[in-house]
Amino acid sequence: MPVDPSSRPAGLDVPLTLPDSVSGVEQVQSVRTPIRIEYTYTPGAALSTYLRGMKDKKILAERCPKTGQVFVPPRGVSPVAGIMTEGPVELPDTGYVESFNITRVPIATRPDLEPPYCSAWIVLDGASVGFMGLVVNCEPEAVKLGTRVRAVWKPDDELEMSATNILGWEPTGEPDAVIPDIETIGQKGELE
């Protein structure tokens, strides 16, 4: 049985004929295949310092010597200037919400997150860029751009060398951070 050429991927010029045994069978439109990737990650010097700090409830960053921007978590190189960063720079465990999303549907791989919950891009005081975290201990609808937050840490006896020591970010009750220009949020310094 000839196959409709319009349903074939581009670049296949050879005519395709199906055997009579599958004649009249509906063509497969998609296949769902579970995919799993297992890997081991070995952090470099900058991230190792960051993770060791986490065990002591310290958030360690690094500064770009050219722009003055402070990056957390540190990677050892400024993504802006492409040069090695300097550090460590200890940051407070407070900051503000730069952007956020309220999730109202369950995620099968995260049964511990009961909807609705709020994921946010958190910019720490003194940092030039943010990172993802959960806003906790408030209704998701109470979160807005500029909401001031502080880290909620695991109990001291459960701390380890891991960013999971921060369970989430709770509102501080302080006045919201003023974000005058959405295009420059988190930016500090410029390349010369």
N, C-alpha and C. Protein backbone atom coordinates (compact mmCIF):
# COMPACT_ATOMS: atom_id res chain seq x y z
N MET A 1 0.86 -1.16 0.00
CA MET A 1 0.00 0.00 0.00
C MET A 1 0.91 1.23 0.00
N PRO A 2 0.77 2.15 -0.97
CA PRO A 2 1.60 3.35 -1.01
C PRO A 2 1.25 4.29 0.14
N VAL A 3 2.28 4.99 0.64
CA VAL A 3 2.11 5.94 1.73
C VAL A 3 2.01 7.34 1.13
N ASP A 4 1.12 8.13 1.68
CA ASP A 4 0.95 9.52 1.22
C ASP A 4 2.27 10.26 1.37
N PRO A 5 2.87 10.77 0.27
CA PRO A 5 4.17 11.42 0.36
C PRO A 5 4.16 12.66 1.24
N SER A 6 3.03 13.33 1.39
CA SER A 6 3.00 14.54 2.21
C SER A 6 3.18 14.23 3.70
N SER A 7 2.99 12.97 4.10
CA SER A 7 3.13 12.61 5.52
C SER A 7 4.54 12.13 5.85
N ARG A 8 5.44 12.13 4.85
CA ARG A 8 6.80 11.64 5.07
C ARG A 8 7.74 12.80 5.37
N PRO A 9 8.77 12.54 6.17
CA PRO A 9 9.77 13.58 6.45
C PRO A 9 10.44 14.05 5.17
N ALA A 10 10.80 15.33 5.15
CA ALA A 10 11.49 15.89 3.99
C ALA A 10 12.81 15.17 3.77
N GLY A 11 13.21 15.04 2.51
CA GLY A 11 14.49 14.44 2.19
C GLY A 11 14.44 12.95 1.90
N LEU A 12 13.29 12.32 2.06
CA LEU A 12 13.16 10.90 1.74
C LEU A 12 12.56 10.79 0.34
N ASP A 13 13.42 10.54 -0.66
CA ASP A 13 12.97 10.51 -2.05
C ASP A 13 12.57 9.12 -2.52
N VAL A 14 12.91 8.09 -1.77
CA VAL A 14 12.61 6.72 -2.17
C VAL A 14 11.15 6.42 -1.83
N PRO A 15 10.37 5.91 -2.80
CA PRO A 15 8.97 5.57 -2.49
C PRO A 15 8.91 4.50 -1.40
N LEU A 16 7.94 4.62 -0.53
CA LEU A 16 7.78 3.70 0.58
C LEU A 16 6.50 2.91 0.39
N THR A 17 6.59 1.60 0.49
CA THR A 17 5.42 0.74 0.35
C THR A 17 5.30 -0.11 1.60
N LEU A 18 4.12 -0.11 2.20
CA LEU A 18 3.88 -0.91 3.40
C LEU A 18 3.42 -2.31 3.00
N PRO A 19 3.76 -3.32 3.80
CA PRO A 19 3.29 -4.68 3.50
C PRO A 19 1.77 -4.78 3.66
N ASP A 20 1.17 -5.72 2.93
CA ASP A 20 -0.28 -5.92 2.99
C ASP A 20 -0.75 -6.24 4.40
N SER A 21 0.11 -6.84 5.25
CA SER A 21 -0.28 -7.24 6.60
C SER A 21 -0.66 -6.04 7.47
N VAL A 22 -0.19 -4.83 7.13
CA VAL A 22 -0.54 -3.65 7.91
C VAL A 22 -1.43 -2.71 7.11
N SER A 23 -1.94 -3.18 6.00
CA SER A 23 -2.85 -2.39 5.18
C SER A 23 -4.09 -2.03 6.00
N GLY A 24 -4.44 -0.77 6.00
CA GLY A 24 -5.63 -0.33 6.72
C GLY A 24 -5.39 -0.01 8.18
N VAL A 25 -4.19 -0.25 8.68
CA VAL A 25 -3.86 0.06 10.07
C VAL A 25 -3.53 1.54 10.16
N GLU A 26 -4.04 2.18 11.21
CA GLU A 26 -3.78 3.62 11.39
C GLU A 26 -2.28 3.86 11.57
N GLN A 27 -1.77 4.87 10.87
CA GLN A 27 -0.35 5.19 10.96
C GLN A 27 -0.03 5.76 12.35
N VAL A 28 1.16 5.46 12.83
CA VAL A 28 1.62 5.98 14.12
C VAL A 28 1.87 7.48 13.97
N GLN A 29 1.28 8.26 14.86
CA GLN A 29 1.45 9.71 14.83
C GLN A 29 2.53 10.17 15.80
N SER A 30 2.66 9.47 16.91
CA SER A 30 3.70 9.80 17.88
C SER A 30 3.96 8.59 18.76
N VAL A 31 5.12 8.61 19.40
CA VAL A 31 5.50 7.54 20.32
C VAL A 31 6.00 8.21 21.59
N ARG A 32 5.50 7.77 22.73
CA ARG A 32 5.98 8.28 24.01
C ARG A 32 6.94 7.25 24.58
N THR A 33 8.17 7.69 24.77
CA THR A 33 9.21 6.81 25.28
C THR A 33 9.78 7.40 26.55
N PRO A 34 9.71 6.68 27.65
CA PRO A 34 10.33 7.21 28.86
C PRO A 34 11.84 7.33 28.65
N ILE A 35 12.38 8.47 29.01
CA ILE A 35 13.81 8.71 28.85
C ILE A 35 14.39 8.97 30.23
N ARG A 36 15.53 8.41 30.47
CA ARG A 36 16.20 8.61 31.76
C ARG A 36 17.67 8.83 31.50
N ILE A 37 18.20 9.84 32.12
CA ILE A 37 19.63 10.10 32.01
C ILE A 37 20.19 10.13 33.42
N GLU A 38 21.20 9.33 33.65
CA GLU A 38 21.87 9.35 34.94
C GLU A 38 23.28 9.88 34.71
N TYR A 39 23.70 10.79 35.55
CA TYR A 39 25.04 11.33 35.39
C TYR A 39 25.58 11.72 36.75
N THR A 40 26.88 11.87 36.81
CA THR A 40 27.56 12.33 38.00
C THR A 40 28.15 13.69 37.68
N TYR A 41 27.91 14.65 38.54
CA TYR A 41 28.43 15.99 38.33
C TYR A 41 29.48 16.28 39.39
N THR A 42 30.62 16.73 38.97
CA THR A 42 31.68 17.10 39.91
C THR A 42 31.84 18.62 39.84
N PRO A 43 31.48 19.33 40.90
CA PRO A 43 31.59 20.80 40.87
C PRO A 43 33.05 21.24 40.83
N GLY A 44 33.26 22.36 40.14
CA GLY A 44 34.60 22.95 40.10
C GLY A 44 34.90 23.69 41.40
N ALA A 45 36.00 24.42 41.40
CA ALA A 45 36.46 25.10 42.62
C ALA A 45 35.44 26.12 43.12
N ALA A 46 34.90 26.96 42.23
CA ALA A 46 33.96 28.01 42.66
C ALA A 46 32.69 27.41 43.24
N LEU A 47 32.11 26.44 42.55
CA LEU A 47 30.87 25.84 43.04
C LEU A 47 31.12 25.00 44.29
N SER A 48 32.28 24.38 44.42
CA SER A 48 32.61 23.63 45.64
C SER A 48 32.65 24.56 46.84
N THR A 49 33.24 25.74 46.66
CA THR A 49 33.28 26.73 47.75
C THR A 49 31.86 27.14 48.13
N TYR A 50 31.01 27.37 47.12
CA TYR A 50 29.61 27.73 47.34
C TYR A 50 28.89 26.64 48.15
N LEU A 51 29.08 25.39 47.77
CA LEU A 51 28.41 24.28 48.46
C LEU A 51 28.92 24.08 49.88
N ARG A 52 30.23 24.28 50.09
CA ARG A 52 30.75 24.21 51.46
C ARG A 52 30.15 25.31 52.33
N GLY A 53 29.99 26.49 51.76
CA GLY A 53 29.36 27.59 52.49
C GLY A 53 27.92 27.27 52.87
N MET A 54 27.21 26.59 51.99
CA MET A 54 25.81 26.24 52.27
C MET A 54 25.69 25.40 53.54
N LYS A 55 26.68 24.57 53.81
CA LYS A 55 26.64 23.74 55.02
C LYS A 55 26.67 24.60 56.28
N ASP A 56 27.21 25.83 56.16
CA ASP A 56 27.27 26.76 57.28
C ASP A 56 26.25 27.90 57.16
N LYS A 57 25.24 27.69 56.33
CA LYS A 57 24.20 28.69 56.08
C LYS A 57 24.80 30.00 55.54
N LYS A 58 25.80 29.86 54.69
CA LYS A 58 26.41 31.02 54.04
C LYS A 58 26.18 30.91 52.54
N ILE A 59 25.83 32.02 51.94
CA ILE A 59 25.64 32.05 50.49
C ILE A 59 26.84 32.80 49.91
N LEU A 60 27.70 32.06 49.21
CA LEU A 60 28.93 32.62 48.69
C LEU A 60 28.83 32.82 47.18
N ALA A 61 29.25 33.99 46.73
CA ALA A 61 29.19 34.37 45.33
C ALA A 61 30.60 34.74 44.87
N GLU A 62 30.72 35.18 43.62
CA GLU A 62 31.98 35.70 43.10
C GLU A 62 31.69 36.96 42.29
N ARG A 63 32.70 37.85 42.22
CA ARG A 63 32.55 39.15 41.55
C ARG A 63 33.41 39.19 40.28
N CYS A 64 32.86 39.80 39.24
CA CYS A 64 33.62 40.03 38.02
C CYS A 64 34.50 41.25 38.24
N PRO A 65 35.82 41.11 38.08
CA PRO A 65 36.70 42.26 38.32
C PRO A 65 36.54 43.38 37.28
N LYS A 66 35.97 43.07 36.14
CA LYS A 66 35.81 44.08 35.09
C LYS A 66 34.51 44.87 35.24
N THR A 67 33.41 44.18 35.54
CA THR A 67 32.10 44.85 35.59
C THR A 67 31.62 45.12 37.00
N GLY A 68 32.17 44.40 37.98
CA GLY A 68 31.69 44.53 39.36
C GLY A 68 30.45 43.67 39.62
N GLN A 69 29.94 42.97 38.62
CA GLN A 69 28.75 42.13 38.82
C GLN A 69 29.08 40.96 39.75
N VAL A 70 28.09 40.59 40.57
CA VAL A 70 28.24 39.51 41.54
C VAL A 70 27.33 38.36 41.11
N PHE A 71 27.95 37.18 40.95
CA PHE A 71 27.23 36.01 40.44
C PHE A 71 27.09 34.95 41.51
N VAL A 72 25.86 34.46 41.66
CA VAL A 72 25.56 33.39 42.60
C VAL A 72 24.52 32.47 41.96
N PRO A 73 24.71 31.19 41.96
CA PRO A 73 25.90 30.50 42.41
C PRO A 73 27.07 30.79 41.47
N PRO A 74 28.28 30.81 42.01
CA PRO A 74 29.45 31.15 41.20
C PRO A 74 29.85 30.00 40.28
N ARG A 75 30.44 30.36 39.15
CA ARG A 75 30.93 29.35 38.21
C ARG A 75 32.43 29.52 37.93
N GLY A 76 33.03 30.59 38.50
CA GLY A 76 34.46 30.79 38.31
C GLY A 76 34.80 31.72 37.16
N VAL A 77 33.83 31.97 36.28
CA VAL A 77 34.04 32.84 35.13
C VAL A 77 32.84 33.76 34.98
N SER A 78 33.09 35.02 34.66
CA SER A 78 32.01 35.97 34.41
C SER A 78 31.34 35.64 33.08
N PRO A 79 30.03 35.39 33.08
CA PRO A 79 29.34 35.11 31.83
C PRO A 79 29.23 36.36 30.95
N VAL A 80 29.48 37.52 31.53
CA VAL A 80 29.39 38.78 30.79
C VAL A 80 30.73 39.14 30.16
N ALA A 81 31.78 39.12 30.96
CA ALA A 81 33.09 39.56 30.48
C ALA A 81 33.97 38.40 30.00
N GLY A 82 33.62 37.17 30.36
CA GLY A 82 34.40 36.02 29.93
C GLY A 82 35.76 35.92 30.60
N ILE A 83 35.88 36.48 31.80
CA ILE A 83 37.15 36.40 32.53
C ILE A 83 36.89 35.75 33.89
N MET A 84 37.97 35.32 34.54
CA MET A 84 37.83 34.68 35.85
C MET A 84 37.26 35.67 36.87
N THR A 85 36.39 35.16 37.71
CA THR A 85 35.80 35.97 38.76
C THR A 85 36.68 35.92 40.00
N GLU A 86 36.38 36.83 40.92
CA GLU A 86 37.11 36.91 42.18
C GLU A 86 36.14 36.62 43.32
N GLY A 87 36.62 36.00 44.35
CA GLY A 87 35.73 35.73 45.47
C GLY A 87 36.44 34.89 46.49
N PRO A 88 35.72 34.39 47.43
CA PRO A 88 34.26 34.48 47.52
C PRO A 88 33.76 35.80 48.11
N VAL A 89 32.51 36.12 47.77
CA VAL A 89 31.80 37.27 48.31
C VAL A 89 30.60 36.70 49.07
N GLU A 90 30.51 36.98 50.36
CA GLU A 90 29.37 36.46 51.13
C GLU A 90 28.18 37.39 50.96
N LEU A 91 27.04 36.80 50.60
CA LEU A 91 25.79 37.55 50.42
C LEU A 91 24.83 37.23 51.55
N PRO A 92 23.93 38.14 51.86
CA PRO A 92 22.91 37.83 52.87
C PRO A 92 21.90 36.85 52.28
N ASP A 93 21.12 36.23 53.16
CA ASP A 93 20.09 35.30 52.66
C ASP A 93 18.76 36.01 52.49
N THR A 94 18.83 37.25 52.04
CA THR A 94 17.63 38.05 51.73
C THR A 94 17.75 38.59 50.32
N GLY A 95 16.61 38.88 49.73
CA GLY A 95 16.60 39.42 48.38
C GLY A 95 15.18 39.78 47.98
N TYR A 96 14.93 39.75 46.67
CA TYR A 96 13.59 40.09 46.18
C TYR A 96 13.21 39.18 45.01
N VAL A 97 11.91 39.15 44.74
CA VAL A 97 11.37 38.37 43.63
C VAL A 97 11.48 39.21 42.36
N GLU A 98 12.22 38.67 41.38
CA GLU A 98 12.38 39.37 40.11
C GLU A 98 11.28 38.98 39.11
N SER A 99 10.88 37.72 39.14
CA SER A 99 9.75 37.25 38.35
C SER A 99 9.23 35.99 39.04
N PHE A 100 8.03 35.57 38.67
CA PHE A 100 7.46 34.41 39.35
C PHE A 100 6.40 33.74 38.49
N ASN A 101 6.04 32.55 38.90
CA ASN A 101 5.00 31.78 38.23
C ASN A 101 4.22 31.02 39.29
N ILE A 102 2.91 31.03 39.16
CA ILE A 102 2.06 30.24 40.06
C ILE A 102 1.63 28.99 39.30
N THR A 103 1.97 27.83 39.85
CA THR A 103 1.61 26.56 39.22
C THR A 103 0.36 26.02 39.90
N ARG A 104 -0.63 25.70 39.09
CA ARG A 104 -1.91 25.24 39.61
C ARG A 104 -2.23 23.79 39.25
N VAL A 105 -1.32 23.12 38.57
CA VAL A 105 -1.53 21.72 38.21
C VAL A 105 -0.41 20.88 38.84
N PRO A 106 -0.72 19.65 39.24
CA PRO A 106 0.31 18.82 39.86
C PRO A 106 1.37 18.39 38.84
N ILE A 107 2.57 18.16 39.34
CA ILE A 107 3.66 17.65 38.52
C ILE A 107 3.97 16.25 39.04
N ALA A 108 3.83 15.27 38.18
CA ALA A 108 3.97 13.86 38.60
C ALA A 108 5.31 13.59 39.25
N THR A 109 6.36 14.24 38.78
CA THR A 109 7.69 13.98 39.32
C THR A 109 7.98 14.73 40.62
N ARG A 110 7.06 15.60 41.04
CA ARG A 110 7.24 16.35 42.30
C ARG A 110 5.97 16.25 43.15
N PRO A 111 5.66 15.07 43.65
CA PRO A 111 4.45 14.93 44.47
C PRO A 111 4.51 15.73 45.76
N ASP A 112 5.71 16.19 46.17
CA ASP A 112 5.85 16.98 47.39
C ASP A 112 5.35 18.41 47.19
N LEU A 113 5.16 18.85 45.95
CA LEU A 113 4.68 20.21 45.67
C LEU A 113 3.18 20.17 45.41
N GLU A 114 2.42 20.61 46.39
CA GLU A 114 0.97 20.60 46.25
C GLU A 114 0.50 21.93 45.65
N PRO A 115 -0.16 21.89 44.50
CA PRO A 115 -0.62 23.13 43.88
C PRO A 115 -1.71 23.79 44.72
N PRO A 116 -1.86 25.09 44.63
CA PRO A 116 -0.98 25.99 43.87
C PRO A 116 0.27 26.32 44.68
N TYR A 117 1.37 26.53 43.96
CA TYR A 117 2.61 26.98 44.59
C TYR A 117 3.28 27.98 43.67
N CYS A 118 4.22 28.73 44.24
CA CYS A 118 4.86 29.82 43.51
C CYS A 118 6.35 29.55 43.34
N SER A 119 6.81 29.47 42.10
CA SER A 119 8.23 29.42 41.76
C SER A 119 8.65 30.83 41.41
N ALA A 120 9.82 31.24 41.85
CA ALA A 120 10.25 32.62 41.60
C ALA A 120 11.72 32.69 41.26
N TRP A 121 12.08 33.73 40.55
CA TRP A 121 13.47 34.07 40.28
C TRP A 121 13.86 35.02 41.40
N ILE A 122 14.75 34.58 42.27
CA ILE A 122 15.15 35.33 43.45
C ILE A 122 16.50 36.02 43.19
N VAL A 123 16.56 37.33 43.41
CA VAL A 123 17.82 38.07 43.31
C VAL A 123 18.21 38.46 44.73
N LEU A 124 19.34 37.93 45.19
CA LEU A 124 19.82 38.24 46.55
C LEU A 124 20.33 39.67 46.62
N ASP A 125 20.23 40.26 47.80
CA ASP A 125 20.78 41.60 48.02
C ASP A 125 22.27 41.54 47.72
N GLY A 126 22.73 42.40 46.84
CA GLY A 126 24.13 42.44 46.46
C GLY A 126 24.48 41.60 45.24
N ALA A 127 23.55 40.79 44.75
CA ALA A 127 23.81 39.95 43.58
C ALA A 127 23.37 40.66 42.31
N SER A 128 23.96 40.27 41.20
CA SER A 128 23.62 40.85 39.91
C SER A 128 22.67 39.98 39.11
N VAL A 129 22.57 38.73 39.47
CA VAL A 129 21.67 37.80 38.80
C VAL A 129 20.94 36.98 39.85
N GLY A 130 19.89 36.33 39.44
CA GLY A 130 19.11 35.54 40.38
C GLY A 130 19.19 34.06 40.09
N PHE A 131 18.37 33.31 40.83
CA PHE A 131 18.25 31.87 40.65
C PHE A 131 16.85 31.47 41.08
N MET A 132 16.46 30.27 40.70
CA MET A 132 15.10 29.79 40.93
C MET A 132 14.93 29.29 42.37
N GLY A 133 13.76 29.58 42.94
CA GLY A 133 13.42 29.08 44.27
C GLY A 133 11.92 29.08 44.45
N LEU A 134 11.45 28.40 45.47
CA LEU A 134 10.02 28.38 45.80
C LEU A 134 9.74 29.46 46.83
N VAL A 135 8.64 30.18 46.65
CA VAL A 135 8.20 31.13 47.67
C VAL A 135 7.24 30.36 48.57
N VAL A 136 7.53 30.37 49.87
CA VAL A 136 6.79 29.55 50.83
C VAL A 136 6.22 30.43 51.95
N ASN A 137 5.38 29.81 52.76
CA ASN A 137 4.80 30.44 53.95
C ASN A 137 3.95 31.66 53.62
N CYS A 138 3.33 31.64 52.44
CA CYS A 138 2.35 32.67 52.07
C CYS A 138 1.49 32.11 50.94
N GLU A 139 0.36 32.75 50.70
CA GLU A 139 -0.48 32.37 49.57
C GLU A 139 0.23 32.77 48.28
N PRO A 140 0.23 31.93 47.25
CA PRO A 140 0.90 32.29 46.01
C PRO A 140 0.42 33.63 45.43
N GLU A 141 -0.86 33.94 45.60
CA GLU A 141 -1.40 35.19 45.06
C GLU A 141 -0.84 36.43 45.76
N ALA A 142 -0.20 36.25 46.92
CA ALA A 142 0.38 37.38 47.64
C ALA A 142 1.74 37.80 47.06
N VAL A 143 2.33 36.94 46.23
CA VAL A 143 3.65 37.23 45.66
C VAL A 143 3.50 38.19 44.49
N LYS A 144 4.42 39.15 44.41
CA LYS A 144 4.43 40.07 43.28
C LYS A 144 5.86 40.47 42.99
N LEU A 145 6.09 41.12 41.86
CA LEU A 145 7.42 41.59 41.54
C LEU A 145 7.91 42.50 42.65
N GLY A 146 9.11 42.26 43.11
CA GLY A 146 9.69 43.09 44.16
C GLY A 146 9.45 42.58 45.57
N THR A 147 8.64 41.54 45.74
CA THR A 147 8.41 41.01 47.09
C THR A 147 9.75 40.67 47.74
N ARG A 148 9.99 41.22 48.93
CA ARG A 148 11.22 40.94 49.68
C ARG A 148 11.09 39.57 50.34
N VAL A 149 12.15 38.77 50.23
CA VAL A 149 12.14 37.40 50.76
C VAL A 149 13.42 37.10 51.51
N ARG A 150 13.34 36.06 52.36
CA ARG A 150 14.52 35.55 53.08
C ARG A 150 14.49 34.03 52.98
N ALA A 151 15.67 33.43 53.08
CA ALA A 151 15.80 31.98 52.98
C ALA A 151 15.16 31.29 54.19
N VAL A 152 14.53 30.16 53.94
CA VAL A 152 14.06 29.26 54.98
C VAL A 152 15.00 28.06 54.92
N TRP A 153 15.84 27.93 55.93
CA TRP A 153 16.89 26.91 55.94
C TRP A 153 16.40 25.62 56.60
N LYS A 154 17.01 24.52 56.22
CA LYS A 154 16.80 23.25 56.92
C LYS A 154 17.28 23.42 58.36
N PRO A 155 16.82 22.58 59.27
CA PRO A 155 17.37 22.61 60.63
C PRO A 155 18.88 22.36 60.60
N ASP A 156 19.60 22.96 61.55
CA ASP A 156 21.06 22.87 61.58
C ASP A 156 21.59 21.43 61.52
N ASP A 157 20.90 20.50 62.19
CA ASP A 157 21.39 19.12 62.21
C ASP A 157 21.16 18.38 60.89
N GLU A 158 20.48 19.01 59.93
CA GLU A 158 20.23 18.39 58.62
C GLU A 158 21.04 19.04 57.51
N LEU A 159 21.82 20.07 57.84
CA LEU A 159 22.57 20.79 56.81
C LEU A 159 23.65 19.90 56.20
N GLU A 160 23.83 20.06 54.88
CA GLU A 160 24.86 19.32 54.16
C GLU A 160 25.44 20.24 53.09
N MET A 161 26.37 19.76 52.31
CA MET A 161 26.96 20.57 51.25
C MET A 161 26.02 20.55 50.04
N SER A 162 24.92 21.31 50.14
CA SER A 162 23.91 21.26 49.09
C SER A 162 23.07 22.53 49.08
N ALA A 163 22.68 22.96 47.89
CA ALA A 163 21.77 24.10 47.77
C ALA A 163 20.37 23.74 48.27
N THR A 164 20.09 22.45 48.46
CA THR A 164 18.79 22.04 49.00
C THR A 164 18.66 22.37 50.48
N ASN A 165 19.72 22.93 51.08
CA ASN A 165 19.62 23.40 52.47
C ASN A 165 18.61 24.54 52.57
N ILE A 166 18.38 25.24 51.48
CA ILE A 166 17.35 26.29 51.45
C ILE A 166 16.06 25.63 50.98
N LEU A 167 15.10 25.55 51.89
CA LEU A 167 13.83 24.89 51.60
C LEU A 167 12.92 25.76 50.75
N GLY A 168 13.11 27.06 50.82
CA GLY A 168 12.29 28.00 50.08
C GLY A 168 12.60 29.41 50.53
N TRP A 169 11.81 30.34 50.05
CA TRP A 169 12.00 31.76 50.35
C TRP A 169 10.67 32.32 50.84
N GLU A 170 10.69 32.92 52.03
CA GLU A 170 9.45 33.45 52.60
C GLU A 170 9.49 34.97 52.60
N PRO A 171 8.32 35.60 52.44
CA PRO A 171 8.28 37.07 52.48
C PRO A 171 8.78 37.59 53.83
N THR A 172 9.51 38.70 53.78
CA THR A 172 10.06 39.29 55.00
C THR A 172 9.08 40.26 55.66
N GLY A 173 8.12 40.75 54.89
CA GLY A 173 7.22 41.78 55.41
C GLY A 173 7.74 43.19 55.17
N GLU A 174 8.97 43.30 54.67
CA GLU A 174 9.55 44.61 54.35
C GLU A 174 8.85 45.18 53.11
N PRO A 175 8.96 46.48 52.90
CA PRO A 175 8.40 47.06 51.68
C PRO A 175 9.02 46.41 50.44
N ASP A 176 8.22 46.31 49.38
CA ASP A 176 8.70 45.70 48.14
C ASP A 176 9.90 46.45 47.58
N ALA A 177 10.79 45.71 46.93
CA ALA A 177 11.91 46.33 46.23
C ALA A 177 11.35 47.10 45.04
N VAL A 178 11.91 48.26 44.79
CA VAL A 178 11.49 49.06 43.65
C VAL A 178 12.26 48.59 42.43
N ILE A 179 11.54 48.22 41.39
CA ILE A 179 12.16 47.76 40.15
C ILE A 179 11.79 48.78 39.07
N PRO A 180 12.62 49.81 38.89
CA PRO A 180 12.25 50.90 37.99
C PRO A 180 12.22 50.53 36.52
N ASP A 181 13.09 49.64 36.09
CA ASP A 181 13.18 49.31 34.67
C ASP A 181 13.34 47.81 34.51
N ILE A 182 12.31 47.15 34.06
CA ILE A 182 12.31 45.69 33.98
C ILE A 182 13.46 45.17 33.12
N GLU A 183 13.94 45.96 32.16
CA GLU A 183 15.02 45.50 31.28
C GLU A 183 16.38 45.50 31.97
N THR A 184 16.51 46.19 33.10
CA THR A 184 17.81 46.24 33.76
C THR A 184 17.80 45.54 35.12
N ILE A 185 16.79 44.75 35.38
CA ILE A 185 16.72 44.04 36.66
C ILE A 185 17.97 43.19 36.85
N GLY A 186 18.61 43.31 37.99
CA GLY A 186 19.74 42.47 38.32
C GLY A 186 21.05 42.89 37.69
N GLN A 187 21.04 43.87 36.80
CA GLN A 187 22.28 44.29 36.14
C GLN A 187 23.01 45.29 37.00
N LYS A 188 24.32 45.17 37.02
CA LYS A 188 25.15 46.07 37.81
C LYS A 188 26.47 46.20 37.07
N GLY A 189 26.84 47.37 36.71
CA GLY A 189 28.09 47.56 35.99
C GLY A 189 27.92 47.35 34.50
N GLU A 190 28.88 47.79 33.74
CA GLU A 190 28.85 47.62 32.29
C GLU A 190 30.23 47.26 31.81
N LEU A 191 30.27 46.61 30.66
CA LEU A 191 31.56 46.33 30.03
C LEU A 191 32.09 47.62 29.42
N GLU A 192 33.39 47.82 29.46
CA GLU A 192 33.98 49.03 28.87
C GLU A 192 34.30 48.77 27.42
